[in-house]
Amino acid sequence: MTRTSTKEKKALFALLAYELFGKELCVEANDVAWQGVLATANEHAITPLLYSGVNQLEGVPQSIFDSIERSAVRSTITSDRMAKIQNDILRSLKEEQVNAAVLKGTSVAACYRHPEVRITGDIDILIDPADMEKCGEILSRNGFIRESERELHTVYRSRQAVVEAHWRVTRYPSTVKGEFTGSYMDD
């Protein structure tokens, strides 16, 4: 974390609690070194989440407010673009009878008070291992290039987005419970 004072950390956490959990906004804006709050938020890629809170506060320097607002606008535009790309991919998969479940990203954004500011980096989908090759063909037809294969997913990239096609979301420990869970998830 960027070197920030306790006041700045408290302000940052208060703004996040306001956005994420609807907590009362208790920040004395005039007592905060806002550059530290902004630097920490930027470092952790959470700046757009501060917008609704700073928009309620008097005393936030205009330059800080403007920076947070720009970040929220960029996040909203990116979120919109990613949602369209994701819907196009899901529609293409469905047309070819490839079942997919959305992981993280836009599916989690629905839990936010302002889903549009949820920072989306890529599109994660869960695919049946038997359909991975077909999924790759569909993504290829939609302008994606197979970039790499990781332990639990294959990464596809286009000019506008990265898709991680997961055949599994986690490894299971070599225990009785882990093996049961792995077998259950495979089914």
N, C-alpha and C. Protein backbone atom coordinates (compact mmCIF):
# COMPACT_ATOMS: atom_id res chain seq x y z
N MET A 1 0.84 -1.18 0.00
CA MET A 1 0.00 0.00 0.00
C MET A 1 0.89 1.24 0.00
N THR A 2 0.48 2.23 -0.74
CA THR A 2 1.18 3.51 -0.75
C THR A 2 1.27 4.02 0.68
N ARG A 3 2.34 4.71 0.98
CA ARG A 3 2.52 5.24 2.33
C ARG A 3 1.49 6.34 2.58
N THR A 4 0.47 6.00 3.35
CA THR A 4 -0.56 6.97 3.69
C THR A 4 -0.77 6.98 5.19
N SER A 5 -1.26 8.09 5.70
CA SER A 5 -1.50 8.22 7.13
C SER A 5 -2.77 7.46 7.52
N THR A 6 -2.96 7.33 8.80
CA THR A 6 -4.15 6.68 9.33
C THR A 6 -5.41 7.41 8.88
N LYS A 7 -5.38 8.75 8.86
CA LYS A 7 -6.55 9.52 8.41
C LYS A 7 -6.92 9.20 6.97
N GLU A 8 -5.90 9.09 6.12
CA GLU A 8 -6.17 8.80 4.71
C GLU A 8 -6.70 7.37 4.55
N LYS A 9 -6.14 6.44 5.30
CA LYS A 9 -6.64 5.06 5.23
C LYS A 9 -8.09 5.00 5.70
N LYS A 10 -8.38 5.69 6.80
CA LYS A 10 -9.77 5.70 7.30
C LYS A 10 -10.71 6.32 6.27
N ALA A 11 -10.27 7.40 5.64
CA ALA A 11 -11.11 8.04 4.62
C ALA A 11 -11.34 7.08 3.46
N LEU A 12 -10.28 6.41 3.01
CA LEU A 12 -10.41 5.46 1.91
C LEU A 12 -11.38 4.33 2.27
N PHE A 13 -11.20 3.75 3.46
CA PHE A 13 -12.08 2.66 3.87
C PHE A 13 -13.52 3.14 4.07
N ALA A 14 -13.70 4.35 4.55
CA ALA A 14 -15.04 4.90 4.71
C ALA A 14 -15.72 5.07 3.36
N LEU A 15 -14.97 5.56 2.38
CA LEU A 15 -15.53 5.71 1.03
C LEU A 15 -15.89 4.36 0.42
N LEU A 16 -15.04 3.37 0.62
CA LEU A 16 -15.33 2.03 0.10
C LEU A 16 -16.54 1.41 0.81
N ALA A 17 -16.62 1.59 2.13
CA ALA A 17 -17.76 1.06 2.89
C ALA A 17 -19.06 1.72 2.46
N TYR A 18 -19.00 3.01 2.14
CA TYR A 18 -20.16 3.73 1.65
C TYR A 18 -20.63 3.14 0.33
N GLU A 19 -19.67 2.93 -0.59
CA GLU A 19 -20.01 2.42 -1.92
C GLU A 19 -20.44 0.95 -1.89
N LEU A 20 -19.68 0.13 -1.20
CA LEU A 20 -19.91 -1.31 -1.26
C LEU A 20 -21.00 -1.81 -0.32
N PHE A 21 -21.14 -1.16 0.84
CA PHE A 21 -22.05 -1.70 1.85
C PHE A 21 -23.12 -0.71 2.30
N GLY A 22 -23.13 0.49 1.69
CA GLY A 22 -24.14 1.47 2.05
C GLY A 22 -23.97 2.03 3.46
N LYS A 23 -22.76 1.98 3.97
CA LYS A 23 -22.49 2.52 5.31
C LYS A 23 -22.56 4.04 5.29
N GLU A 24 -22.83 4.61 6.46
CA GLU A 24 -22.86 6.06 6.58
C GLU A 24 -21.48 6.62 6.24
N LEU A 25 -21.47 7.72 5.54
CA LEU A 25 -20.22 8.33 5.10
C LEU A 25 -19.73 9.30 6.17
N CYS A 26 -18.71 8.88 6.91
CA CYS A 26 -18.15 9.69 8.00
C CYS A 26 -16.72 10.08 7.64
N VAL A 27 -16.59 11.15 6.88
CA VAL A 27 -15.27 11.63 6.48
C VAL A 27 -15.26 13.15 6.64
N GLU A 28 -14.28 13.65 7.36
CA GLU A 28 -14.06 15.09 7.45
C GLU A 28 -13.12 15.47 6.31
N ALA A 29 -13.68 15.87 5.20
CA ALA A 29 -12.91 16.07 3.98
C ALA A 29 -11.77 17.06 4.14
N ASN A 30 -11.95 18.06 4.95
CA ASN A 30 -10.92 19.09 5.12
C ASN A 30 -9.71 18.59 5.91
N ASP A 31 -9.85 17.47 6.62
CA ASP A 31 -8.75 16.92 7.42
C ASP A 31 -7.95 15.85 6.69
N VAL A 32 -8.25 15.61 5.44
CA VAL A 32 -7.65 14.49 4.70
C VAL A 32 -6.65 15.00 3.67
N ALA A 33 -5.50 14.34 3.59
CA ALA A 33 -4.54 14.61 2.52
C ALA A 33 -4.98 13.76 1.32
N TRP A 34 -5.80 14.35 0.48
CA TRP A 34 -6.49 13.60 -0.59
C TRP A 34 -5.54 12.99 -1.62
N GLN A 35 -4.38 13.58 -1.80
CA GLN A 35 -3.44 13.01 -2.77
C GLN A 35 -3.04 11.59 -2.36
N GLY A 36 -2.89 11.36 -1.05
CA GLY A 36 -2.55 10.02 -0.54
C GLY A 36 -3.69 9.03 -0.75
N VAL A 37 -4.93 9.48 -0.54
CA VAL A 37 -6.10 8.62 -0.77
C VAL A 37 -6.15 8.23 -2.25
N LEU A 38 -5.99 9.21 -3.11
CA LEU A 38 -6.04 8.95 -4.55
C LEU A 38 -4.90 8.03 -4.99
N ALA A 39 -3.70 8.25 -4.49
CA ALA A 39 -2.55 7.41 -4.87
C ALA A 39 -2.78 5.96 -4.45
N THR A 40 -3.31 5.76 -3.24
CA THR A 40 -3.57 4.40 -2.76
C THR A 40 -4.69 3.75 -3.58
N ALA A 41 -5.75 4.51 -3.87
CA ALA A 41 -6.85 3.97 -4.68
C ALA A 41 -6.36 3.60 -6.07
N ASN A 42 -5.53 4.46 -6.67
CA ASN A 42 -4.97 4.15 -7.99
C ASN A 42 -4.09 2.90 -7.94
N GLU A 43 -3.27 2.80 -6.90
CA GLU A 43 -2.37 1.66 -6.76
C GLU A 43 -3.14 0.34 -6.71
N HIS A 44 -4.30 0.36 -6.09
CA HIS A 44 -5.08 -0.87 -5.93
C HIS A 44 -6.24 -0.98 -6.92
N ALA A 45 -6.25 -0.09 -7.91
CA ALA A 45 -7.26 -0.11 -8.99
C ALA A 45 -8.69 -0.08 -8.45
N ILE A 46 -8.93 0.77 -7.45
CA ILE A 46 -10.27 0.89 -6.88
C ILE A 46 -10.82 2.32 -6.96
N THR A 47 -10.14 3.17 -7.68
CA THR A 47 -10.51 4.58 -7.74
C THR A 47 -11.97 4.82 -8.14
N PRO A 48 -12.50 4.13 -9.14
CA PRO A 48 -13.90 4.39 -9.51
C PRO A 48 -14.88 4.17 -8.37
N LEU A 49 -14.53 3.29 -7.44
CA LEU A 49 -15.43 3.00 -6.33
C LEU A 49 -15.55 4.17 -5.34
N LEU A 50 -14.67 5.15 -5.46
CA LEU A 50 -14.70 6.29 -4.55
C LEU A 50 -15.66 7.38 -5.02
N TYR A 51 -16.08 7.31 -6.26
CA TYR A 51 -16.82 8.42 -6.86
C TYR A 51 -18.10 8.79 -6.12
N SER A 52 -18.96 7.82 -5.85
CA SER A 52 -20.25 8.18 -5.24
C SER A 52 -20.04 8.82 -3.87
N GLY A 53 -19.00 8.42 -3.16
CA GLY A 53 -18.72 9.01 -1.86
C GLY A 53 -18.17 10.42 -1.96
N VAL A 54 -17.13 10.61 -2.78
CA VAL A 54 -16.55 11.96 -2.87
C VAL A 54 -17.55 12.94 -3.47
N ASN A 55 -18.48 12.44 -4.23
CA ASN A 55 -19.52 13.29 -4.81
C ASN A 55 -20.44 13.85 -3.72
N GLN A 56 -20.47 13.19 -2.57
CA GLN A 56 -21.31 13.62 -1.45
C GLN A 56 -20.58 14.57 -0.50
N LEU A 57 -19.27 14.66 -0.61
CA LEU A 57 -18.47 15.40 0.36
C LEU A 57 -18.17 16.84 -0.08
N GLU A 58 -18.18 17.73 0.87
CA GLU A 58 -17.72 19.10 0.66
C GLU A 58 -16.26 19.14 1.11
N GLY A 59 -15.42 19.83 0.37
CA GLY A 59 -14.04 20.00 0.80
C GLY A 59 -13.02 19.12 0.09
N VAL A 60 -13.47 18.26 -0.82
CA VAL A 60 -12.53 17.46 -1.61
C VAL A 60 -11.96 18.39 -2.69
N PRO A 61 -10.64 18.50 -2.79
CA PRO A 61 -10.07 19.39 -3.82
C PRO A 61 -10.59 19.03 -5.21
N GLN A 62 -10.86 20.06 -5.99
CA GLN A 62 -11.43 19.86 -7.32
C GLN A 62 -10.57 18.94 -8.18
N SER A 63 -9.25 19.08 -8.12
CA SER A 63 -8.38 18.23 -8.95
C SER A 63 -8.50 16.75 -8.57
N ILE A 64 -8.68 16.47 -7.28
CA ILE A 64 -8.85 15.09 -6.81
C ILE A 64 -10.21 14.57 -7.27
N PHE A 65 -11.25 15.39 -7.06
CA PHE A 65 -12.59 15.01 -7.51
C PHE A 65 -12.60 14.72 -9.01
N ASP A 66 -11.98 15.60 -9.79
CA ASP A 66 -11.96 15.43 -11.25
C ASP A 66 -11.26 14.13 -11.63
N SER A 67 -10.18 13.81 -10.97
CA SER A 67 -9.44 12.58 -11.26
C SER A 67 -10.29 11.35 -10.95
N ILE A 68 -10.96 11.36 -9.81
CA ILE A 68 -11.83 10.24 -9.42
C ILE A 68 -13.01 10.14 -10.38
N GLU A 69 -13.58 11.27 -10.76
CA GLU A 69 -14.70 11.27 -11.70
C GLU A 69 -14.29 10.70 -13.06
N ARG A 70 -13.14 11.11 -13.56
CA ARG A 70 -12.65 10.58 -14.84
C ARG A 70 -12.46 9.06 -14.76
N SER A 71 -11.93 8.60 -13.65
CA SER A 71 -11.73 7.17 -13.46
C SER A 71 -13.07 6.43 -13.47
N ALA A 72 -14.08 7.00 -12.82
CA ALA A 72 -15.41 6.38 -12.80
C ALA A 72 -16.03 6.35 -14.19
N VAL A 73 -15.85 7.42 -14.95
CA VAL A 73 -16.39 7.47 -16.32
C VAL A 73 -15.71 6.42 -17.18
N ARG A 74 -14.37 6.34 -17.11
CA ARG A 74 -13.64 5.31 -17.88
C ARG A 74 -14.09 3.91 -17.50
N SER A 75 -14.27 3.68 -16.20
CA SER A 75 -14.71 2.37 -15.74
C SER A 75 -16.10 2.03 -16.27
N THR A 76 -16.98 3.01 -16.28
CA THR A 76 -18.34 2.81 -16.79
C THR A 76 -18.32 2.47 -18.27
N ILE A 77 -17.52 3.19 -19.03
CA ILE A 77 -17.41 2.92 -20.47
C ILE A 77 -16.83 1.53 -20.70
N THR A 78 -15.79 1.18 -19.97
CA THR A 78 -15.18 -0.14 -20.10
C THR A 78 -16.16 -1.23 -19.71
N SER A 79 -16.87 -1.03 -18.62
CA SER A 79 -17.86 -2.00 -18.16
C SER A 79 -18.93 -2.23 -19.22
N ASP A 80 -19.40 -1.16 -19.81
CA ASP A 80 -20.40 -1.25 -20.88
C ASP A 80 -19.87 -2.05 -22.07
N ARG A 81 -18.65 -1.73 -22.49
CA ARG A 81 -18.03 -2.41 -23.63
C ARG A 81 -17.83 -3.90 -23.32
N MET A 82 -17.33 -4.20 -22.12
CA MET A 82 -17.07 -5.60 -21.75
C MET A 82 -18.38 -6.39 -21.67
N ALA A 83 -19.44 -5.76 -21.16
CA ALA A 83 -20.73 -6.44 -21.08
C ALA A 83 -21.24 -6.81 -22.47
N LYS A 84 -21.06 -5.92 -23.43
CA LYS A 84 -21.49 -6.21 -24.81
C LYS A 84 -20.67 -7.36 -25.39
N ILE A 85 -19.37 -7.30 -25.20
CA ILE A 85 -18.50 -8.38 -25.72
C ILE A 85 -18.87 -9.70 -25.06
N GLN A 86 -19.06 -9.67 -23.75
CA GLN A 86 -19.44 -10.89 -23.04
C GLN A 86 -20.75 -11.46 -23.55
N ASN A 87 -21.75 -10.59 -23.75
CA ASN A 87 -23.05 -11.06 -24.26
C ASN A 87 -22.91 -11.65 -25.66
N ASP A 88 -22.09 -11.05 -26.51
CA ASP A 88 -21.86 -11.59 -27.85
C ASP A 88 -21.23 -12.98 -27.77
N ILE A 89 -20.26 -13.14 -26.89
CA ILE A 89 -19.59 -14.43 -26.73
C ILE A 89 -20.58 -15.47 -26.21
N LEU A 90 -21.34 -15.12 -25.19
CA LEU A 90 -22.31 -16.06 -24.62
C LEU A 90 -23.36 -16.45 -25.65
N ARG A 91 -23.80 -15.49 -26.45
CA ARG A 91 -24.78 -15.79 -27.51
C ARG A 91 -24.19 -16.76 -28.52
N SER A 92 -22.94 -16.53 -28.94
CA SER A 92 -22.27 -17.42 -29.90
C SER A 92 -22.11 -18.83 -29.33
N LEU A 93 -21.74 -18.92 -28.07
CA LEU A 93 -21.59 -20.23 -27.42
C LEU A 93 -22.94 -20.95 -27.35
N LYS A 94 -23.97 -20.21 -26.95
CA LYS A 94 -25.31 -20.81 -26.83
C LYS A 94 -25.83 -21.31 -28.17
N GLU A 95 -25.57 -20.55 -29.25
CA GLU A 95 -26.02 -20.95 -30.58
C GLU A 95 -25.42 -22.30 -30.99
N GLU A 96 -24.25 -22.60 -30.44
CA GLU A 96 -23.59 -23.87 -30.78
C GLU A 96 -23.66 -24.88 -29.64
N GLN A 97 -24.63 -24.67 -28.76
CA GLN A 97 -24.90 -25.58 -27.64
C GLN A 97 -23.69 -25.80 -26.72
N VAL A 98 -22.92 -24.75 -26.51
CA VAL A 98 -21.83 -24.81 -25.53
C VAL A 98 -22.29 -24.04 -24.30
N ASN A 99 -22.50 -24.77 -23.21
CA ASN A 99 -22.93 -24.13 -21.98
C ASN A 99 -21.76 -23.39 -21.35
N ALA A 100 -22.06 -22.21 -20.82
CA ALA A 100 -21.03 -21.40 -20.17
C ALA A 100 -21.63 -20.71 -18.96
N ALA A 101 -20.80 -20.57 -17.95
CA ALA A 101 -21.19 -19.80 -16.76
C ALA A 101 -20.19 -18.66 -16.61
N VAL A 102 -20.69 -17.49 -16.31
CA VAL A 102 -19.83 -16.33 -16.12
C VAL A 102 -19.26 -16.39 -14.70
N LEU A 103 -17.96 -16.22 -14.59
CA LEU A 103 -17.29 -16.18 -13.31
C LEU A 103 -16.84 -14.76 -13.03
N LYS A 104 -16.93 -14.34 -11.79
CA LYS A 104 -16.41 -13.03 -11.37
C LYS A 104 -16.97 -11.90 -12.22
N GLY A 105 -16.16 -10.88 -12.42
CA GLY A 105 -16.47 -9.77 -13.31
C GLY A 105 -17.89 -9.26 -13.28
N THR A 106 -18.54 -9.32 -14.42
CA THR A 106 -19.87 -8.74 -14.55
C THR A 106 -20.90 -9.46 -13.68
N SER A 107 -20.69 -10.75 -13.40
CA SER A 107 -21.65 -11.44 -12.54
C SER A 107 -21.54 -10.92 -11.11
N VAL A 108 -20.35 -10.55 -10.69
CA VAL A 108 -20.15 -10.00 -9.34
C VAL A 108 -20.59 -8.54 -9.30
N ALA A 109 -20.48 -7.84 -10.40
CA ALA A 109 -20.84 -6.42 -10.43
C ALA A 109 -22.28 -6.20 -10.00
N ALA A 110 -23.14 -7.16 -10.24
CA ALA A 110 -24.54 -7.03 -9.86
C ALA A 110 -24.71 -6.86 -8.35
N CYS A 111 -23.72 -7.24 -7.58
CA CYS A 111 -23.77 -7.10 -6.11
C CYS A 111 -23.38 -5.71 -5.64
N TYR A 112 -22.88 -4.88 -6.53
CA TYR A 112 -22.44 -3.54 -6.17
C TYR A 112 -23.62 -2.57 -6.24
N ARG A 113 -23.59 -1.54 -5.40
CA ARG A 113 -24.63 -0.51 -5.46
C ARG A 113 -24.60 0.21 -6.81
N HIS A 114 -23.41 0.39 -7.37
CA HIS A 114 -23.25 1.02 -8.68
C HIS A 114 -22.41 0.05 -9.54
N PRO A 115 -23.06 -0.94 -10.15
CA PRO A 115 -22.32 -1.97 -10.90
C PRO A 115 -21.41 -1.41 -11.99
N GLU A 116 -21.78 -0.26 -12.52
CA GLU A 116 -21.01 0.31 -13.62
C GLU A 116 -19.59 0.70 -13.22
N VAL A 117 -19.33 0.90 -11.92
CA VAL A 117 -17.97 1.27 -11.52
C VAL A 117 -17.14 0.06 -11.10
N ARG A 118 -17.71 -1.14 -11.19
CA ARG A 118 -16.94 -2.36 -10.91
C ARG A 118 -15.86 -2.48 -11.97
N ILE A 119 -14.62 -2.54 -11.56
CA ILE A 119 -13.50 -2.58 -12.49
C ILE A 119 -13.42 -3.98 -13.11
N THR A 120 -13.54 -4.02 -14.43
CA THR A 120 -13.53 -5.29 -15.15
C THR A 120 -12.27 -5.38 -15.99
N GLY A 121 -11.45 -6.40 -15.73
CA GLY A 121 -10.20 -6.54 -16.47
C GLY A 121 -10.29 -7.53 -17.60
N ASP A 122 -11.07 -8.58 -17.40
CA ASP A 122 -11.21 -9.61 -18.42
C ASP A 122 -12.57 -10.28 -18.26
N ILE A 123 -12.83 -11.22 -19.14
CA ILE A 123 -14.08 -11.98 -19.08
C ILE A 123 -13.71 -13.41 -18.74
N ASP A 124 -14.23 -13.90 -17.62
CA ASP A 124 -13.96 -15.26 -17.18
C ASP A 124 -15.22 -16.09 -17.36
N ILE A 125 -15.08 -17.19 -18.09
CA ILE A 125 -16.22 -18.09 -18.28
C ILE A 125 -15.80 -19.52 -17.95
N LEU A 126 -16.74 -20.27 -17.43
CA LEU A 126 -16.53 -21.68 -17.11
C LEU A 126 -17.16 -22.52 -18.21
N ILE A 127 -16.35 -23.41 -18.77
CA ILE A 127 -16.77 -24.26 -19.88
C ILE A 127 -16.54 -25.72 -19.51
N ASP A 128 -17.42 -26.58 -19.93
CA ASP A 128 -17.21 -28.02 -19.73
C ASP A 128 -15.91 -28.41 -20.44
N PRO A 129 -15.03 -29.16 -19.78
CA PRO A 129 -13.77 -29.54 -20.42
C PRO A 129 -13.96 -30.18 -21.80
N ALA A 130 -15.05 -30.92 -21.98
CA ALA A 130 -15.30 -31.56 -23.27
C ALA A 130 -15.60 -30.55 -24.37
N ASP A 131 -15.98 -29.33 -24.00
CA ASP A 131 -16.33 -28.30 -24.98
C ASP A 131 -15.24 -27.25 -25.17
N MET A 132 -14.08 -27.44 -24.57
CA MET A 132 -13.03 -26.42 -24.65
C MET A 132 -12.56 -26.19 -26.08
N GLU A 133 -12.40 -27.23 -26.85
CA GLU A 133 -11.94 -27.06 -28.23
C GLU A 133 -12.98 -26.29 -29.05
N LYS A 134 -14.23 -26.66 -28.88
CA LYS A 134 -15.31 -25.98 -29.59
C LYS A 134 -15.39 -24.51 -29.14
N CYS A 135 -15.20 -24.26 -27.86
CA CYS A 135 -15.19 -22.89 -27.35
C CYS A 135 -14.07 -22.09 -28.02
N GLY A 136 -12.89 -22.68 -28.12
CA GLY A 136 -11.77 -22.01 -28.77
C GLY A 136 -12.07 -21.67 -30.22
N GLU A 137 -12.74 -22.58 -30.93
CA GLU A 137 -13.12 -22.33 -32.33
C GLU A 137 -14.10 -21.16 -32.43
N ILE A 138 -15.06 -21.14 -31.51
CA ILE A 138 -16.06 -20.07 -31.51
C ILE A 138 -15.39 -18.72 -31.20
N LEU A 139 -14.51 -18.71 -30.21
CA LEU A 139 -13.81 -17.47 -29.88
C LEU A 139 -12.94 -17.02 -31.05
N SER A 140 -12.32 -17.95 -31.72
CA SER A 140 -11.49 -17.63 -32.87
C SER A 140 -12.33 -16.97 -33.97
N ARG A 141 -13.51 -17.50 -34.23
CA ARG A 141 -14.40 -16.91 -35.23
C ARG A 141 -14.87 -15.52 -34.82
N ASN A 142 -14.81 -15.24 -33.53
CA ASN A 142 -15.23 -13.94 -33.02
C ASN A 142 -14.05 -12.99 -32.82
N GLY A 143 -12.90 -13.32 -33.43
CA GLY A 143 -11.77 -12.40 -33.43
C GLY A 143 -10.77 -12.58 -32.31
N PHE A 144 -10.88 -13.66 -31.55
CA PHE A 144 -9.95 -13.90 -30.46
C PHE A 144 -8.83 -14.85 -30.90
N ILE A 145 -7.66 -14.60 -30.37
CA ILE A 145 -6.49 -15.43 -30.66
C ILE A 145 -6.08 -16.13 -29.38
N ARG A 146 -5.83 -17.43 -29.48
CA ARG A 146 -5.38 -18.20 -28.32
C ARG A 146 -4.00 -17.70 -27.92
N GLU A 147 -3.90 -17.19 -26.72
CA GLU A 147 -2.65 -16.59 -26.27
C GLU A 147 -1.80 -17.57 -25.45
N SER A 148 -2.44 -18.24 -24.50
CA SER A 148 -1.68 -19.15 -23.64
C SER A 148 -2.62 -20.11 -22.92
N GLU A 149 -2.02 -21.15 -22.39
CA GLU A 149 -2.77 -22.09 -21.57
C GLU A 149 -2.17 -22.06 -20.18
N ARG A 150 -3.03 -21.91 -19.21
CA ARG A 150 -2.62 -21.86 -17.81
C ARG A 150 -3.08 -23.15 -17.13
N GLU A 151 -2.87 -23.20 -15.85
CA GLU A 151 -3.19 -24.41 -15.11
C GLU A 151 -4.68 -24.78 -15.17
N LEU A 152 -5.55 -23.80 -15.12
CA LEU A 152 -6.99 -24.07 -15.05
C LEU A 152 -7.80 -23.42 -16.17
N HIS A 153 -7.13 -22.71 -17.08
CA HIS A 153 -7.87 -22.02 -18.13
C HIS A 153 -6.96 -21.73 -19.33
N THR A 154 -7.63 -21.38 -20.43
CA THR A 154 -6.93 -20.93 -21.63
C THR A 154 -7.27 -19.45 -21.82
N VAL A 155 -6.26 -18.68 -22.19
CA VAL A 155 -6.42 -17.24 -22.37
C VAL A 155 -6.55 -16.93 -23.86
N TYR A 156 -7.57 -16.17 -24.21
CA TYR A 156 -7.81 -15.71 -25.57
C TYR A 156 -7.82 -14.19 -25.55
N ARG A 157 -7.25 -13.58 -26.57
CA ARG A 157 -7.15 -12.12 -26.62
C ARG A 157 -7.61 -11.60 -27.97
N SER A 158 -8.34 -10.49 -27.90
CA SER A 158 -8.68 -9.73 -29.11
C SER A 158 -8.19 -8.30 -28.87
N ARG A 159 -8.42 -7.43 -29.82
CA ARG A 159 -8.02 -6.03 -29.64
C ARG A 159 -8.76 -5.38 -28.48
N GLN A 160 -9.97 -5.87 -28.19
CA GLN A 160 -10.82 -5.19 -27.20
C GLN A 160 -10.96 -5.90 -25.87
N ALA A 161 -10.60 -7.18 -25.80
CA ALA A 161 -10.86 -7.89 -24.55
C ALA A 161 -9.98 -9.13 -24.41
N VAL A 162 -9.90 -9.59 -23.18
CA VAL A 162 -9.24 -10.85 -22.85
C VAL A 162 -10.31 -11.76 -22.27
N VAL A 163 -10.33 -13.00 -22.74
CA VAL A 163 -11.26 -13.99 -22.23
C VAL A 163 -10.45 -15.13 -21.65
N GLU A 164 -10.81 -15.52 -20.43
CA GLU A 164 -10.23 -16.70 -19.82
C GLU A 164 -11.31 -17.77 -19.81
N ALA A 165 -11.10 -18.82 -20.61
CA ALA A 165 -12.04 -19.94 -20.66
C ALA A 165 -11.54 -20.99 -19.67
N HIS A 166 -12.24 -21.12 -18.56
CA HIS A 166 -11.86 -22.04 -17.48
C HIS A 166 -12.52 -23.40 -17.68
N TRP A 167 -11.75 -24.45 -17.53
CA TRP A 167 -12.34 -25.78 -17.48
C TRP A 167 -12.48 -26.22 -16.03
N ARG A 168 -11.89 -25.45 -15.15
CA ARG A 168 -11.99 -25.70 -13.71
C ARG A 168 -11.67 -24.37 -13.02
N VAL A 169 -12.27 -24.15 -11.86
CA VAL A 169 -12.03 -22.88 -11.18
C VAL A 169 -11.03 -22.98 -10.04
N THR A 170 -10.75 -24.18 -9.60
CA THR A 170 -9.79 -24.35 -8.53
C THR A 170 -9.25 -25.77 -8.53
N ARG A 171 -8.11 -25.94 -7.88
CA ARG A 171 -7.59 -27.29 -7.66
C ARG A 171 -8.15 -27.77 -6.33
N TYR A 172 -8.31 -29.05 -6.20
CA TYR A 172 -8.84 -29.61 -4.96
C TYR A 172 -7.72 -30.39 -4.28
N PRO A 173 -7.66 -30.31 -2.95
CA PRO A 173 -6.60 -31.02 -2.25
C PRO A 173 -6.77 -32.53 -2.34
N SER A 174 -5.68 -33.23 -2.20
CA SER A 174 -5.71 -34.70 -2.25
C SER A 174 -6.15 -35.25 -0.89
N THR A 175 -7.37 -34.92 -0.57
CA THR A 175 -7.98 -35.43 0.65
C THR A 175 -9.30 -36.07 0.26
N VAL A 176 -9.92 -36.75 1.18
CA VAL A 176 -11.21 -37.37 0.89
C VAL A 176 -12.22 -36.29 0.48
N LYS A 177 -12.27 -35.21 1.23
CA LYS A 177 -13.22 -34.12 0.92
C LYS A 177 -12.85 -33.43 -0.40
N GLY A 178 -11.55 -33.21 -0.60
CA GLY A 178 -11.11 -32.57 -1.83
C GLY A 178 -11.43 -33.40 -3.05
N GLU A 179 -11.18 -34.69 -2.97
CA GLU A 179 -11.48 -35.59 -4.10
C GLU A 179 -12.99 -35.67 -4.35
N PHE A 180 -13.78 -35.70 -3.26
CA PHE A 180 -15.23 -35.71 -3.42
C PHE A 180 -15.70 -34.44 -4.12
N THR A 181 -15.19 -33.28 -3.65
CA THR A 181 -15.58 -32.00 -4.24
C THR A 181 -15.17 -31.93 -5.71
N GLY A 182 -13.94 -32.36 -6.02
CA GLY A 182 -13.49 -32.35 -7.40
C GLY A 182 -14.35 -33.23 -8.28
N SER A 183 -14.69 -34.41 -7.80
CA SER A 183 -15.55 -35.32 -8.56
C SER A 183 -16.94 -34.72 -8.75
N TYR A 184 -17.46 -34.12 -7.70
CA TYR A 184 -18.78 -33.49 -7.76
C TYR A 184 -18.79 -32.36 -8.79
N MET A 185 -17.76 -31.51 -8.75
CA MET A 185 -17.68 -30.40 -9.70
C MET A 185 -17.49 -30.90 -11.13
N ASP A 186 -16.74 -31.96 -11.31
CA ASP A 186 -16.57 -32.52 -12.65
C ASP A 186 -17.89 -32.99 -13.23
N ASP A 187 -18.75 -33.53 -12.38
CA ASP A 187 -20.07 -33.98 -12.83
C ASP A 187 -20.94 -32.78 -13.18
